[in-house]
PDB file of all heavy atoms in Angstrom:
ATOM      1  N   VAL A   1     183.503  29.810  74.401  1.00  0.00           N
ATOM      2  CA  VAL A   1     184.512  29.614  75.516  1.00  0.00           C
ATOM      3  C   VAL A   1     185.973  29.754  74.882  1.00  0.00           C
ATOM      4  O   VAL A   1     186.987  29.576  75.748  1.00  0.00           O
ATOM      5  CB  VAL A   1     184.444  28.161  75.981  1.00  0.00           C
ATOM      6  CG1 VAL A   1     183.050  27.853  76.456  1.00  0.00           C
ATOM      7  CG2 VAL A   1     184.773  27.089  74.852  1.00  0.00           C
ATOM      8  N   LYS A   2     186.133  30.039  73.722  1.00  0.00           N
ATOM      9  CA  LYS A   2     187.463  30.327  73.178  1.00  0.00           C
ATOM     10  C   LYS A   2     188.207  31.344  73.934  1.00  0.00           C
ATOM     11  O   LYS A   2     187.675  32.524  74.210  1.00  0.00           O
ATOM     12  CB  LYS A   2     187.391  30.692  71.683  1.00  0.00           C
ATOM     13  CG  LYS A   2     187.051  29.539  70.829  1.00  0.00           C
ATOM     14  CD  LYS A   2     187.068  30.005  69.358  1.00  0.00           C
ATOM     15  CE  LYS A   2     186.760  28.770  68.412  1.00  0.00           C
ATOM     16  NZ  LYS A   2     186.738  29.304  66.888  1.00  0.00           N
ATOM     17  N   GLY A   3     189.453  31.176  74.237  1.00  0.00           N
ATOM     18  CA  GLY A   3     190.259  32.172  75.066  1.00  0.00           C
ATOM     19  C   GLY A   3     190.046  32.055  76.540  1.00  0.00           C
ATOM     20  O   GLY A   3     190.830  32.557  77.292  1.00  0.00           O
ATOM     21  N   ARG A   4     189.036  31.278  76.977  1.00  0.00           N
ATOM     22  CA  ARG A   4     188.866  31.136  78.421  1.00  0.00           C
ATOM     23  C   ARG A   4     189.055  29.712  78.858  1.00  0.00           C
ATOM     24  O   ARG A   4     189.450  29.429  79.949  1.00  0.00           O
ATOM     25  CB  ARG A   4     187.448  31.531  78.812  1.00  0.00           C
ATOM     26  CG  ARG A   4     187.139  33.013  78.529  1.00  0.00           C
ATOM     27  CD  ARG A   4     185.856  33.406  78.932  1.00  0.00           C
ATOM     28  NE  ARG A   4     184.722  32.719  78.361  1.00  0.00           N
ATOM     29  CZ  ARG A   4     183.796  31.883  79.057  1.00  0.00           C
ATOM     30  NH1 ARG A   4     183.973  31.772  80.409  1.00  0.00           N
ATOM     31  NH2 ARG A   4     182.840  31.316  78.471  1.00  0.00           N
ATOM     32  N   PHE A   5     188.733  28.712  78.026  1.00  0.00           N
ATOM     33  CA  PHE A   5     188.825  27.271  78.316  1.00  0.00           C
ATOM     34  C   PHE A   5     189.914  26.696  77.591  1.00  0.00           C
ATOM     35  O   PHE A   5     190.160  27.110  76.347  1.00  0.00           O
ATOM     36  CB  PHE A   5     187.495  26.528  77.978  1.00  0.00           C
ATOM     37  CG  PHE A   5     186.265  26.857  78.869  1.00  0.00           C
ATOM     38  CD1 PHE A   5     186.291  27.892  79.750  1.00  0.00           C
ATOM     39  CD2 PHE A   5     185.164  26.085  78.688  1.00  0.00           C
ATOM     40  CE1 PHE A   5     185.226  28.288  80.521  1.00  0.00           C
ATOM     41  CE2 PHE A   5     184.054  26.316  79.523  1.00  0.00           C
ATOM     42  CZ  PHE A   5     184.153  27.535  80.380  1.00  0.00           C
ATOM     43  N   THR A   6     190.669  25.630  78.157  1.00  0.00           N
ATOM     44  CA  THR A   6     191.688  24.942  77.455  1.00  0.00           C
ATOM     45  C   THR A   6     191.404  23.497  77.666  1.00  0.00           C
ATOM     46  O   THR A   6     191.343  23.035  78.873  1.00  0.00           O
ATOM     47  CB  THR A   6     193.075  25.320  77.874  1.00  0.00           C
ATOM     48  OG1 THR A   6     193.306  26.755  77.724  1.00  0.00           O
ATOM     49  CG2 THR A   6     194.204  24.554  77.191  1.00  0.00           C
ATOM     50  N   ILE A   7     191.384  22.701  76.637  1.00  0.00           N
ATOM     51  CA  ILE A   7     191.193  21.321  76.812  1.00  0.00           C
ATOM     52  C   ILE A   7     192.534  20.628  76.472  1.00  0.00           C
ATOM     53  O   ILE A   7     193.395  21.034  75.622  1.00  0.00           O
ATOM     54  CB  ILE A   7     190.146  20.764  75.734  1.00  0.00           C
ATOM     55  CG1 ILE A   7     189.936  19.283  76.002  1.00  0.00           C
ATOM     56  CG2 ILE A   7     190.613  20.937  74.281  1.00  0.00           C
ATOM     57  CD1 ILE A   7     188.622  18.656  75.237  1.00  0.00           C
ATOM     58  N   SER A   8     192.907  19.594  77.294  1.00  0.00           N
ATOM     59  CA  SER A   8     194.186  18.954  77.222  1.00  0.00           C
ATOM     60  C   SER A   8     193.907  17.407  77.301  1.00  0.00           C
ATOM     61  O   SER A   8     192.820  17.006  77.911  1.00  0.00           O
ATOM     62  CB  SER A   8     195.256  19.456  78.173  1.00  0.00           C
ATOM     63  OG  SER A   8     194.784  19.324  79.426  1.00  0.00           O
ATOM     64  N   ARG A   9     194.920  16.607  76.964  1.00  0.00           N
ATOM     65  CA  ARG A   9     194.694  15.117  77.019  1.00  0.00           C
ATOM     66  C   ARG A   9     196.026  14.464  77.386  1.00  0.00           C
ATOM     67  O   ARG A   9     197.142  14.834  76.965  1.00  0.00           O
ATOM     68  CB  ARG A   9     194.201  14.718  75.604  1.00  0.00           C
ATOM     69  CG  ARG A   9     194.011  13.240  75.349  1.00  0.00           C
ATOM     70  CD  ARG A   9     193.291  12.943  74.126  1.00  0.00           C
ATOM     71  NE  ARG A   9     193.206  11.564  73.926  1.00  0.00           N
ATOM     72  CZ  ARG A   9     192.515  11.083  72.883  1.00  0.00           C
ATOM     73  NH1 ARG A   9     191.765  11.875  72.086  1.00  0.00           N
ATOM     74  NH2 ARG A   9     192.380   9.655  72.724  1.00  0.00           N
ATOM     75  N   ASP A  10     195.908  13.361  78.107  1.00  0.00           N
ATOM     76  CA  ASP A  10     197.024  12.495  78.358  1.00  0.00           C
ATOM     77  C   ASP A  10     196.600  11.087  77.961  1.00  0.00           C
ATOM     78  O   ASP A  10     195.862  10.315  78.516  1.00  0.00           O
ATOM     79  CB  ASP A  10     197.240  12.413  79.923  1.00  0.00           C
ATOM     80  CG  ASP A  10     198.433  11.581  80.271  1.00  0.00           C
ATOM     81  OD1 ASP A  10     198.932  10.813  79.494  1.00  0.00           O
ATOM     82  OD2 ASP A  10     198.928  11.679  81.416  1.00  0.00           O
ATOM     83  N   ASN A  11     197.193  10.784  76.717  1.00  0.00           N
ATOM     84  CA  ASN A  11     196.807   9.556  76.030  1.00  0.00           C
ATOM     85  C   ASN A  11     197.198   8.314  76.815  1.00  0.00           C
ATOM     86  O   ASN A  11     196.528   7.283  76.768  1.00  0.00           O
ATOM     87  CB  ASN A  11     197.418   9.450  74.733  1.00  0.00           C
ATOM     88  CG  ASN A  11     196.800  10.507  73.628  1.00  0.00           C
ATOM     89  OD1 ASN A  11     195.645  10.901  73.811  1.00  0.00           O
ATOM     90  ND2 ASN A  11     197.611  10.958  72.655  1.00  0.00           N
ATOM     91  N   THR A  12     198.276   8.401  77.522  1.00  0.00           N
ATOM     92  CA  THR A  12     198.819   7.189  78.323  1.00  0.00           C
ATOM     93  C   THR A  12     197.812   6.881  79.460  1.00  0.00           C
ATOM     94  O   THR A  12     197.823   5.739  79.841  1.00  0.00           O
ATOM     95  CB  THR A  12     200.167   7.386  78.841  1.00  0.00           C
ATOM     96  OG1 THR A  12     200.193   8.545  79.761  1.00  0.00           O
ATOM     97  CG2 THR A  12     201.092   7.710  77.692  1.00  0.00           C
ATOM     98  N   LYS A  13     197.055   7.796  79.898  1.00  0.00           N
ATOM     99  CA  LYS A  13     196.157   7.594  80.883  1.00  0.00           C
ATOM    100  C   LYS A  13     194.609   7.601  80.492  1.00  0.00           C
ATOM    101  O   LYS A  13     193.810   7.492  81.401  1.00  0.00           O
ATOM    102  CB  LYS A  13     196.275   8.677  82.112  1.00  0.00           C
ATOM    103  CG  LYS A  13     197.710   8.732  82.692  1.00  0.00           C
ATOM    104  CD  LYS A  13     197.772   9.673  83.834  1.00  0.00           C
ATOM    105  CE  LYS A  13     199.161   9.566  84.525  1.00  0.00           C
ATOM    106  NZ  LYS A  13     199.291  10.719  85.551  1.00  0.00           N
ATOM    107  N   ASN A  14     194.389   7.769  79.272  1.00  0.00           N
ATOM    108  CA  ASN A  14     193.125   7.867  78.719  1.00  0.00           C
ATOM    109  C   ASN A  14     192.327   8.924  79.443  1.00  0.00           C
ATOM    110  O   ASN A  14     191.066   8.742  79.802  1.00  0.00           O
ATOM    111  CB  ASN A  14     192.334   6.509  78.765  1.00  0.00           C
ATOM    112  CG  ASN A  14     192.955   5.541  77.821  1.00  0.00           C
ATOM    113  OD1 ASN A  14     193.289   5.865  76.762  1.00  0.00           O
ATOM    114  ND2 ASN A  14     193.118   4.318  78.331  1.00  0.00           N
ATOM    115  N   MET A  15     192.916  10.124  79.607  1.00  0.00           N
ATOM    116  CA  MET A  15     192.270  11.207  80.363  1.00  0.00           C
ATOM    117  C   MET A  15     192.189  12.405  79.578  1.00  0.00           C
ATOM    118  O   MET A  15     193.024  12.647  78.599  1.00  0.00           O
ATOM    119  CB  MET A  15     193.095  11.549  81.560  1.00  0.00           C
ATOM    120  CG  MET A  15     193.024  10.432  82.774  1.00  0.00           C
ATOM    121  SD  MET A  15     193.790  10.927  84.224  1.00  0.00           S
ATOM    122  CE  MET A  15     192.889  12.475  84.629  1.00  0.00           C
ATOM    123  N   VAL A  16     191.280  13.245  79.870  1.00  0.00           N
ATOM    124  CA  VAL A  16     191.013  14.559  79.205  1.00  0.00           C
ATOM    125  C   VAL A  16     190.669  15.493  80.391  1.00  0.00           C
ATOM    126  O   VAL A  16     190.024  15.242  81.311  1.00  0.00           O
ATOM    127  CB  VAL A  16     189.956  14.492  78.100  1.00  0.00           C
ATOM    128  CG1 VAL A  16     188.619  14.216  78.655  1.00  0.00           C
ATOM    129  CG2 VAL A  16     189.958  15.911  77.426  1.00  0.00           C
ATOM    130  N   ASN A  17     191.314  16.730  80.259  1.00  0.00           N
ATOM    131  CA  ASN A  17     191.031  17.721  81.183  1.00  0.00           C
ATOM    132  C   ASN A  17     190.493  19.023  80.591  1.00  0.00           C
ATOM    133  O   ASN A  17     190.733  19.354  79.412  1.00  0.00           O
ATOM    134  CB  ASN A  17     192.285  18.258  81.961  1.00  0.00           C
ATOM    135  CG  ASN A  17     192.904  17.014  82.712  1.00  0.00           C
ATOM    136  OD1 ASN A  17     192.238  16.497  83.694  1.00  0.00           O
ATOM    137  ND2 ASN A  17     194.150  16.671  82.517  1.00  0.00           N
ATOM    138  N   LEU A  18     189.646  19.784  81.304  1.00  0.00           N
ATOM    139  CA  LEU A  18     189.186  21.054  80.828  1.00  0.00           C
ATOM    140  C   LEU A  18     189.374  22.062  81.856  1.00  0.00           C
ATOM    141  O   LEU A  18     188.733  22.101  82.893  1.00  0.00           O
ATOM    142  CB  LEU A  18     187.684  20.859  80.482  1.00  0.00           C
ATOM    143  CG  LEU A  18     186.974  22.268  79.831  1.00  0.00           C
ATOM    144  CD1 LEU A  18     187.524  22.342  78.413  1.00  0.00           C
ATOM    145  CD2 LEU A  18     185.469  22.105  79.846  1.00  0.00           C
ATOM    146  N   GLN A  19     190.355  22.968  81.596  1.00  0.00           N
ATOM    147  CA  GLN A  19     190.727  24.052  82.397  1.00  0.00           C
ATOM    148  C   GLN A  19     189.795  25.243  82.029  1.00  0.00           C
ATOM    149  O   GLN A  19     189.836  25.786  80.907  1.00  0.00           O
ATOM    150  CB  GLN A  19     192.213  24.451  82.318  1.00  0.00           C
ATOM    151  CG  GLN A  19     192.521  25.568  83.166  1.00  0.00           C
ATOM    152  CD  GLN A  19     192.493  25.344  84.599  1.00  0.00           C
ATOM    153  OE1 GLN A  19     192.845  24.271  85.093  1.00  0.00           O
ATOM    154  NE2 GLN A  19     191.831  26.243  85.404  1.00  0.00           N
ATOM    155  N   MET A  20     189.007  25.670  82.986  1.00  0.00           N
ATOM    156  CA  MET A  20     187.897  26.724  82.708  1.00  0.00           C
ATOM    157  C   MET A  20     188.478  28.002  83.557  1.00  0.00           C
ATOM    158  O   MET A  20     188.406  28.024  84.794  1.00  0.00           O
ATOM    159  CB  MET A  20     186.566  26.282  83.069  1.00  0.00           C
ATOM    160  CG  MET A  20     186.177  25.050  82.278  1.00  0.00           C
ATOM    161  SD  MET A  20     184.444  24.531  82.638  1.00  0.00           S
ATOM    162  CE  MET A  20     184.502  24.202  84.342  1.00  0.00           C
ATOM    163  N   ASN A  21     188.665  29.063  82.742  1.00  0.00           N
ATOM    164  CA  ASN A  21     189.064  30.325  83.465  1.00  0.00           C
ATOM    165  C   ASN A  21     188.135  31.503  82.994  1.00  0.00           C
ATOM    166  O   ASN A  21     187.230  31.288  82.165  1.00  0.00           O
ATOM    167  CB  ASN A  21     190.494  30.786  83.022  1.00  0.00           C
ATOM    168  CG  ASN A  21     191.560  29.755  83.444  1.00  0.00           C
ATOM    169  OD1 ASN A  21     191.516  29.146  84.581  1.00  0.00           O
ATOM    170  ND2 ASN A  21     192.576  29.581  82.647  1.00  0.00           N
ATOM    171  N   SER A  22     188.093  32.478  83.866  1.00  0.00           N
ATOM    172  CA  SER A  22     187.216  33.566  83.651  1.00  0.00           C
ATOM    173  C   SER A  22     185.733  33.163  83.535  1.00  0.00           C
ATOM    174  O   SER A  22     185.026  33.578  82.590  1.00  0.00           O
ATOM    175  CB  SER A  22     187.692  34.394  82.332  1.00  0.00           C
ATOM    176  OG  SER A  22     189.063  34.877  82.510  1.00  0.00           O
ATOM    177  N   LEU A  23     185.355  32.401  84.392  1.00  0.00           N
ATOM    178  CA  LEU A  23     184.035  31.753  84.311  1.00  0.00           C
ATOM    179  C   LEU A  23     182.918  32.897  84.385  1.00  0.00           C
ATOM    180  O   LEU A  23     183.028  33.787  85.230  1.00  0.00           O
ATOM    181  CB  LEU A  23     183.803  30.708  85.413  1.00  0.00           C
ATOM    182  CG  LEU A  23     184.520  29.334  85.090  1.00  0.00           C
ATOM    183  CD1 LEU A  23     184.659  28.619  86.388  1.00  0.00           C
ATOM    184  CD2 LEU A  23     183.772  28.615  83.999  1.00  0.00           C
ATOM    185  N   LYS A  24     181.887  32.662  83.713  1.00  0.00           N
ATOM    186  CA  LYS A  24     180.702  33.568  83.555  1.00  0.00           C
ATOM    187  C   LYS A  24     179.424  32.713  84.125  1.00  0.00           C
ATOM    188  O   LYS A  24     179.414  31.479  84.032  1.00  0.00           O
ATOM    189  CB  LYS A  24     180.442  33.999  82.213  1.00  0.00           C
ATOM    190  CG  LYS A  24     181.629  34.738  81.600  1.00  0.00           C
ATOM    191  CD  LYS A  24     181.329  35.008  80.096  1.00  0.00           C
ATOM    192  CE  LYS A  24     182.611  35.771  79.465  1.00  0.00           C
ATOM    193  NZ  LYS A  24     182.282  36.127  78.135  1.00  0.00           N
ATOM    194  N   PRO A  25     178.320  33.443  84.456  1.00  0.00           N
ATOM    195  CA  PRO A  25     177.110  32.734  84.969  1.00  0.00           C
ATOM    196  C   PRO A  25     176.640  31.894  83.896  1.00  0.00           C
ATOM    197  O   PRO A  25     176.049  30.858  84.145  1.00  0.00           O
ATOM    198  CB  PRO A  25     176.204  33.908  85.370  1.00  0.00           C
ATOM    199  CG  PRO A  25     177.238  34.976  85.868  1.00  0.00           C
ATOM    200  CD  PRO A  25     178.451  34.948  84.941  1.00  0.00           C
ATOM    201  N   GLU A  26     176.740  32.442  82.660  1.00  0.00           N
ATOM    202  CA  GLU A  26     176.191  31.542  81.552  1.00  0.00           C
ATOM    203  C   GLU A  26     176.982  30.306  81.196  1.00  0.00           C
ATOM    204  O   GLU A  26     176.506  29.506  80.374  1.00  0.00           O
ATOM    205  CB  GLU A  26     176.165  32.391  80.170  1.00  0.00           C
ATOM    206  CG  GLU A  26     177.417  33.113  79.969  1.00  0.00           C
ATOM    207  CD  GLU A  26     177.551  34.569  80.323  1.00  0.00           C
ATOM    208  OE1 GLU A  26     177.073  34.885  81.485  1.00  0.00           O
ATOM    209  OE2 GLU A  26     177.863  35.506  79.638  1.00  0.00           O
ATOM    210  N   ASP A  27     178.067  30.100  81.937  1.00  0.00           N
ATOM    211  CA  ASP A  27     178.784  28.808  81.817  1.00  0.00           C
ATOM    212  C   ASP A  27     178.166  27.748  82.754  1.00  0.00           C
ATOM    213  O   ASP A  27     178.512  26.507  82.699  1.00  0.00           O
ATOM    214  CB  ASP A  27     180.279  28.837  82.199  1.00  0.00           C
ATOM    215  CG  ASP A  27     181.071  29.767  81.199  1.00  0.00           C
ATOM    216  OD1 ASP A  27     180.832  29.656  80.012  1.00  0.00           O
ATOM    217  OD2 ASP A  27     181.877  30.551  81.759  1.00  0.00           O
TER     218      ASP A  27
END
């Protein structure tokens, strides 16, 4: 997933996000 997915975090909200781009069937 390197180069396609990006993980980010908001510590104040105890949240994590995963932005998934260029998705493939194997995902």
